[in-house]
Structures are given as C-alpha cells and as structure tokens.
Amino acid sequence: MTELPATERRVARALLSHYPAAGLEPAVKLAERAGASAPTVTRYIARLGFAGYREFQQAIRDEMTARMTSPMEQPLAYSTDTPAARLLSDVARVDVELMQGCFASIPPSEFATAVELLADARASVYVVGGRFSHLIAELLDAHLRMLRPRTRAITAQRDEGALMLMEMGRRDALVVFDFRRYQPDVIELARGASDRNCKIVLVTDLWLSPVAEFADVVLPLQTDNGSPFDSLVPAVAIVEALAVAVLARLGDDARARARLVDRGPA
C-alpha cells in the first residue's frame, strides 16, 4: 500500500473496504467507489500483476472458491502402508516451506501496528479463536499476561461474547484468529467489537476471513500444507514474533513482570 501512488492507493482502499464484492463489480463502478478514474483502476490492476480486469476478477472468483473449501476436502496423500519416515520427512519439508513464506506474506507496517496495539498497557487486550485456533489465541494470551496487565482469552459463545462486548471500548484491542472455514460466531463477535470502536487485529490465512473487511490490522499467513489439516505452525510463529516484539517495545517493565511470573507465588 505504501508503495502505491495516491490515486491507486484510493482504489486499493476501496477494494479492501468492500472485499470481495467491490472487485467483482465493473471497473467503472470500482473507480466511482474510489473517487478515481477507470484508467487508474486499470493501472492498479496491472501493478498487481494481472493482464486485465477480467483476469483479476477470475482470480477473485477462484479465491472465493478456495476460501469456502474445507481443508477436509483435500485428497489423502498417505495410506496405512506409508512409511513413517516418509511421512515425517514430508511434513517437515512442508512446514519449513510454510515458515519461509510465512513472514514474507505479512506487511511489516501491519505487524508494527499490531505490536503498537498489543503494547499499549493502558488498553485491554482480548483474544479469541475458533474451533482449533482458540489454542493459538490462548497461547498469545499466555505470553501477553507475562508482559502486561489486562489481557484475556475469551470465547465467541453467545453469552460470554455478549458480556465481553459490553466491556470493550475505543482504546481496547481484540485479536481474532480465524482460518477457513471461517466461524460465524467468531465473525459476529469481531463485528460487534468493531461496532464499539474496538481495534481489531486479525490473524488469518491467505484467503482472508470475512473479518478482514472491517479489521484495523490483517496478518495473513500461508497455512495450506496439502493435507486435510491446514497448518497452525505459521500461527504459532507469528504469536512468538508478536510476543518478542511486545517485550522489546515495553522494555524493563515487561522484563520485571515476566521475572515475577517466572518466580511464582512467594
């Protein structure tokens, strides 16, 4: 985003603020949304690497199909006869490749903004995840509790979610972990928090949870490992990177707090 000319930046923001619907409209309509000209839209699409607007729209349609596809629909690559050594080698290779691409897919400016929000000790930080990703949310909460006050892992269940929304305010941040297939209750909770002007930090996959439409920060991760289970390894890595960055940002106060936690009750 920061590398775009101002007029193309408006097109990008208009696209992201109504994604994917805005990208499936005619180019003239997207230009109207952005307050730009149709040629500006054409230049922006070319900058993204597409030969034309039709190719760009087909890419969005393909992305939407992938977004709604469960990892469980992936064909099985192994059988009961697969040697354990081959399976371990394959999983290690794929996870290394995911890790290599993981941080390359995250805009540094987005990461820096996420750290700034998580390091604001005056604010409360809430974290939430889905069926599997709640484990990653709890990991982030465990790290943050050692470094700063007022952090809490919550669930998206209707009763607890409603109570938590009543507590969230303009200064607070909600970190959302949401991967395909995206959970309606998690999306609903995030939307409610956004309506209360709570800052939303989204950790998601490259197909982007619908939360991305109103999130303040989006950290997209490569998770597709070719198996029926999308990898959570990149999510663990980004949690550890956030924890290290928050510790560095808070400095001595966070180190002193972490030492007290390590020491345990007197």
Protein backbone atom coordinates (compact mmCIF):
# COMPACT_ATOMS: atom_id res chain seq x y z
CA MET A 1 0.00 0.00 0.00
CA THR A 2 2.74 2.45 0.93
CA GLU A 3 4.40 1.98 -2.48
CA LEU A 4 1.30 2.96 -4.47
CA PRO A 5 0.66 6.40 -5.98
CA ALA A 6 -2.03 8.30 -4.07
CA THR A 7 -4.77 7.72 -6.66
CA GLU A 8 -4.10 3.97 -6.85
CA ARG A 9 -3.98 3.83 -3.04
CA ARG A 10 -7.58 5.07 -3.03
CA VAL A 11 -8.54 2.23 -5.37
CA ALA A 12 -6.81 -0.31 -3.12
CA ARG A 13 -8.62 1.01 -0.03
CA ALA A 14 -11.97 0.98 -1.80
CA LEU A 15 -11.34 -2.60 -2.89
CA LEU A 16 -10.31 -3.78 0.58
CA SER A 17 -13.12 -1.97 2.38
CA HIS A 18 -15.75 -3.86 0.34
CA TYR A 19 -13.84 -7.03 -0.47
CA PRO A 20 -14.56 -9.16 -2.45
CA ALA A 21 -17.75 -7.55 -3.73
CA ALA A 22 -16.04 -4.39 -4.96
CA GLY A 23 -13.62 -6.41 -7.08
CA LEU A 24 -16.47 -8.23 -8.80
CA GLU A 25 -18.14 -5.01 -9.91
CA PRO A 26 -17.32 -3.36 -13.26
CA ALA A 27 -14.11 -1.36 -13.28
CA VAL A 28 -16.09 1.87 -13.68
CA LYS A 29 -18.04 1.11 -10.50
CA LEU A 30 -14.83 0.42 -8.54
CA ALA A 31 -13.44 3.70 -9.85
CA GLU A 32 -16.56 5.51 -8.60
CA ARG A 33 -16.15 3.93 -5.15
CA ALA A 34 -12.56 5.14 -5.02
CA GLY A 35 -13.18 8.60 -6.43
CA ALA A 36 -10.73 7.75 -9.18
CA SER A 37 -10.78 7.22 -12.94
CA ALA A 38 -11.18 3.95 -14.82
CA PRO A 39 -7.61 4.23 -16.22
CA THR A 40 -6.34 4.48 -12.62
CA VAL A 41 -8.10 1.20 -11.82
CA THR A 42 -6.51 -0.35 -14.92
CA ARG A 43 -3.04 0.79 -13.83
CA TYR A 44 -3.60 -0.55 -10.32
CA ILE A 45 -4.72 -3.95 -11.63
CA ALA A 46 -1.65 -4.10 -13.88
CA ARG A 47 0.57 -3.24 -10.91
CA LEU A 48 -0.88 -6.28 -9.12
CA GLY A 49 0.38 -8.42 -11.99
CA PHE A 50 -2.82 -9.09 -13.93
CA ALA A 51 -3.07 -8.84 -17.71
CA GLY A 52 -6.52 -7.25 -17.46
CA TYR A 53 -9.58 -6.66 -15.31
CA ARG A 54 -11.24 -9.88 -16.44
CA GLU A 55 -8.24 -11.92 -15.27
CA PHE A 56 -8.28 -10.04 -11.96
CA GLN A 57 -11.96 -10.84 -11.40
CA GLN A 58 -11.42 -14.51 -12.24
CA ALA A 59 -8.66 -14.62 -9.64
CA ILE A 60 -11.12 -13.28 -7.05
CA ARG A 61 -13.69 -15.92 -8.01
CA ASP A 62 -11.05 -18.65 -7.70
CA GLU A 63 -10.03 -17.21 -4.34
CA MET A 64 -13.64 -17.24 -3.10
CA THR A 65 -13.97 -20.88 -4.10
CA ALA A 66 -10.80 -21.72 -2.17
CA ARG A 67 -11.97 -19.65 0.79
CA MET A 68 -15.14 -21.71 1.13
CA THR A 69 -13.40 -25.04 0.63
CA SER A 70 -12.76 -27.04 3.77
CA PRO A 71 -9.25 -28.48 4.14
CA MET A 72 -11.04 -31.77 4.77
CA GLU A 73 -11.82 -31.90 1.05
CA GLN A 74 -8.11 -32.32 0.25
CA PRO A 75 -7.33 -35.82 -1.10
CA LEU A 76 -5.37 -38.07 1.25
CA ALA A 77 -1.73 -38.30 0.27
CA TYR A 78 -0.93 -41.23 2.54
CA SER A 79 -2.28 -44.66 3.36
CA THR A 80 -1.84 -47.22 6.09
CA ASP A 81 1.19 -48.52 4.15
CA THR A 82 3.02 -45.16 4.08
CA PRO A 83 6.37 -45.48 5.90
CA ALA A 84 6.63 -43.31 8.98
CA ALA A 85 9.98 -41.94 7.81
CA ARG A 86 8.44 -40.64 4.56
CA LEU A 87 5.52 -39.01 6.37
CA LEU A 88 7.81 -37.28 8.88
CA SER A 89 10.10 -36.08 6.10
CA ASP A 90 7.20 -34.71 4.05
CA VAL A 91 5.64 -32.88 6.98
CA ALA A 92 9.00 -31.36 7.95
CA ARG A 93 9.64 -30.19 4.38
CA VAL A 94 6.20 -28.61 4.01
CA ASP A 95 6.36 -26.87 7.38
CA VAL A 96 9.78 -25.43 6.56
CA GLU A 97 8.39 -24.09 3.27
CA LEU A 98 5.40 -22.59 5.08
CA MET A 99 7.69 -20.92 7.59
CA GLN A 100 9.86 -19.48 4.83
CA GLY A 101 6.82 -17.93 3.17
CA CYS A 102 5.01 -17.04 6.39
CA PHE A 103 6.69 -13.77 7.26
CA ALA A 104 7.14 -12.79 3.63
CA SER A 105 3.34 -12.57 3.31
CA ILE A 106 2.96 -10.15 6.25
CA PRO A 107 3.28 -6.41 5.53
CA PRO A 108 5.79 -5.02 8.07
CA SER A 109 3.59 -1.96 8.61
CA GLU A 110 0.69 -4.19 9.65
CA PHE A 111 2.89 -6.13 12.05
CA ALA A 112 4.22 -2.88 13.56
CA THR A 113 0.68 -1.59 14.10
CA ALA A 114 -0.33 -4.85 15.77
CA VAL A 115 2.63 -4.59 18.15
CA GLU A 116 1.73 -0.99 18.97
CA LEU A 117 -1.82 -2.02 19.88
CA LEU A 118 -0.73 -5.01 21.98
CA ALA A 119 1.92 -2.98 23.81
CA ASP A 120 -0.50 -0.26 24.93
CA ALA A 121 -0.70 -1.20 28.61
CA ARG A 122 -3.48 1.36 29.18
CA ALA A 123 -5.81 -0.68 26.98
CA SER A 124 -7.36 -4.09 27.48
CA VAL A 125 -6.48 -6.84 25.01
CA TYR A 126 -8.92 -9.64 24.25
CA VAL A 127 -8.05 -12.68 22.12
CA VAL A 128 -10.44 -15.12 20.50
CA GLY A 129 -10.18 -18.06 18.12
CA GLY A 130 -12.25 -20.75 16.51
CA ARG A 131 -12.55 -24.50 16.79
CA PHE A 132 -8.81 -25.14 16.58
CA SER A 133 -7.37 -21.64 16.53
CA HIS A 134 -8.61 -20.91 20.06
CA LEU A 135 -5.49 -22.83 21.12
CA ILE A 136 -3.34 -20.22 19.36
CA ALA A 137 -5.39 -17.42 20.92
CA GLU A 138 -4.75 -18.86 24.38
CA LEU A 139 -1.04 -19.11 23.60
CA LEU A 140 -0.91 -15.41 22.73
CA ASP A 141 -2.82 -14.57 25.89
CA ALA A 142 -0.39 -16.63 27.99
CA HIS A 143 2.56 -14.70 26.52
CA LEU A 144 0.92 -11.30 26.93
CA ARG A 145 -0.08 -11.95 30.55
CA MET A 146 3.60 -12.28 31.40
CA LEU A 147 4.34 -8.90 29.82
CA ARG A 148 1.41 -6.62 30.58
CA PRO A 149 -1.87 -6.36 32.53
CA ARG A 150 -5.46 -6.56 31.24
CA THR A 151 -5.31 -9.35 28.69
CA ARG A 152 -7.91 -12.08 28.41
CA ALA A 153 -8.68 -15.06 26.18
CA ILE A 154 -12.42 -15.26 25.52
CA THR A 155 -14.79 -17.48 23.57
CA ALA A 156 -17.22 -16.50 20.87
CA GLN A 157 -20.11 -18.30 22.54
CA ARG A 158 -23.15 -16.06 22.56
CA ASP A 159 -23.43 -15.48 26.34
CA GLU A 160 -19.75 -14.82 27.03
CA GLY A 161 -19.31 -12.92 23.80
CA ALA A 162 -22.17 -10.56 24.64
CA LEU A 163 -20.74 -9.89 28.11
CA MET A 164 -17.28 -9.22 26.71
CA LEU A 165 -18.66 -6.80 24.12
CA MET A 166 -20.16 -4.74 26.93
CA GLU A 167 -16.65 -4.31 28.38
CA MET A 168 -14.85 -3.40 25.15
CA GLY A 169 -14.14 0.21 24.35
CA ARG A 170 -12.46 2.53 21.88
CA ARG A 171 -8.99 2.08 23.36
CA ASP A 172 -9.12 -1.73 23.55
CA ALA A 173 -7.98 -4.34 21.03
CA LEU A 174 -9.44 -7.69 20.01
CA VAL A 175 -7.07 -10.19 18.38
CA VAL A 176 -9.01 -12.62 16.20
CA PHE A 177 -7.64 -15.92 14.90
CA ASP A 178 -9.91 -17.12 12.09
CA PHE A 179 -8.97 -19.63 9.40
CA ARG A 180 -11.06 -21.38 6.76
CA ARG A 181 -13.74 -22.47 7.11
CA TYR A 182 -14.49 -19.28 8.96
CA GLN A 183 -16.71 -19.44 12.03
CA PRO A 184 -19.86 -17.30 12.04
CA ASP A 185 -19.79 -16.78 15.82
CA VAL A 186 -16.19 -15.52 15.71
CA ILE A 187 -17.04 -13.16 12.83
CA GLU A 188 -20.14 -11.91 14.67
CA LEU A 189 -18.13 -11.21 17.83
CA ALA A 190 -15.45 -9.35 15.88
CA ARG A 191 -18.05 -7.27 14.06
CA GLY A 192 -19.69 -6.37 17.36
CA ALA A 193 -16.34 -5.30 18.81
CA SER A 194 -15.65 -3.19 15.70
CA ASP A 195 -19.05 -1.53 16.08
CA ARG A 196 -17.92 -0.49 19.57
CA ASN A 197 -14.81 1.07 18.01
CA CYS A 198 -12.55 -1.62 19.49
CA LYS A 199 -9.42 -2.13 17.37
CA ILE A 200 -9.44 -5.45 15.50
CA VAL A 201 -6.23 -7.38 14.79
CA LEU A 202 -6.93 -10.33 12.50
CA VAL A 203 -4.63 -13.33 12.06
CA THR A 204 -5.95 -15.36 9.15
CA ASP A 205 -4.96 -17.31 6.05
CA LEU A 206 -4.25 -16.03 2.55
CA TRP A 207 -7.92 -16.36 1.58
CA LEU A 208 -8.81 -13.83 4.31
CA SER A 209 -11.53 -14.30 6.88
CA PRO A 210 -14.56 -12.02 6.33
CA VAL A 211 -13.30 -10.18 9.43
CA ALA A 212 -10.71 -8.60 7.10
CA GLU A 213 -13.44 -6.35 5.70
CA PHE A 214 -13.52 -4.29 8.91
CA ALA A 215 -10.27 -5.22 10.69
CA ASP A 216 -7.75 -2.49 11.54
CA VAL A 217 -4.80 -4.86 11.08
CA VAL A 218 -4.63 -8.02 8.95
CA LEU A 219 -1.80 -10.55 9.31
CA PRO A 220 -2.26 -13.13 6.51
CA LEU A 221 -0.44 -16.46 6.84
CA GLN A 222 0.33 -19.32 4.48
CA THR A 223 -1.42 -22.34 6.00
CA ASP A 224 -2.18 -24.71 3.10
CA ASN A 225 0.05 -27.76 3.59
CA GLY A 226 -1.73 -30.04 1.13
CA SER A 227 -3.32 -32.15 3.87
CA PRO A 228 -6.84 -32.26 5.35
CA PHE A 229 -5.49 -30.12 8.22
CA ASP A 230 -4.27 -26.61 7.45
CA SER A 231 -1.05 -25.95 9.32
CA LEU A 232 -1.09 -23.95 12.56
CA VAL A 233 2.72 -23.76 12.60
CA PRO A 234 2.79 -20.27 10.98
CA ALA A 235 0.21 -19.07 13.53
CA VAL A 236 2.40 -20.23 16.41
CA ALA A 237 5.35 -18.47 14.79
CA ILE A 238 3.53 -15.16 14.46
CA VAL A 239 2.40 -15.38 18.09
CA GLU A 240 6.01 -15.83 19.16
CA ALA A 241 7.10 -12.94 16.94
CA LEU A 242 4.42 -10.69 18.45
CA ALA A 243 5.45 -11.66 21.97
CA VAL A 244 9.11 -10.88 21.28
CA ALA A 245 8.20 -7.55 19.69
CA VAL A 246 5.89 -6.55 22.56
CA LEU A 247 8.61 -7.43 25.08
CA ALA A 248 11.09 -5.28 23.17
CA ARG A 249 8.57 -2.42 22.99
CA LEU A 250 7.71 -2.49 26.72
CA GLY A 251 11.30 -2.98 27.84
CA ASP A 252 12.30 -3.16 31.51
CA ASP A 253 8.75 -3.07 32.91
CA ALA A 254 7.77 -6.15 30.91
CA ARG A 255 11.00 -7.94 31.84
CA ALA A 256 10.40 -7.26 35.53
CA ARG A 257 6.83 -8.52 35.26
CA ALA A 258 7.94 -11.67 33.43
CA ARG A 259 10.56 -12.38 36.10
CA LEU A 260 7.91 -12.11 38.82
CA VAL A 261 5.63 -14.51 36.93
CA ASP A 262 8.50 -16.98 36.49
CA ARG A 263 9.31 -16.76 40.19
CA GLY A 264 5.75 -17.69 41.10
CA PRO A 265 3.95 -17.07 44.41
CA ALA A 266 6.19 -16.27 47.36
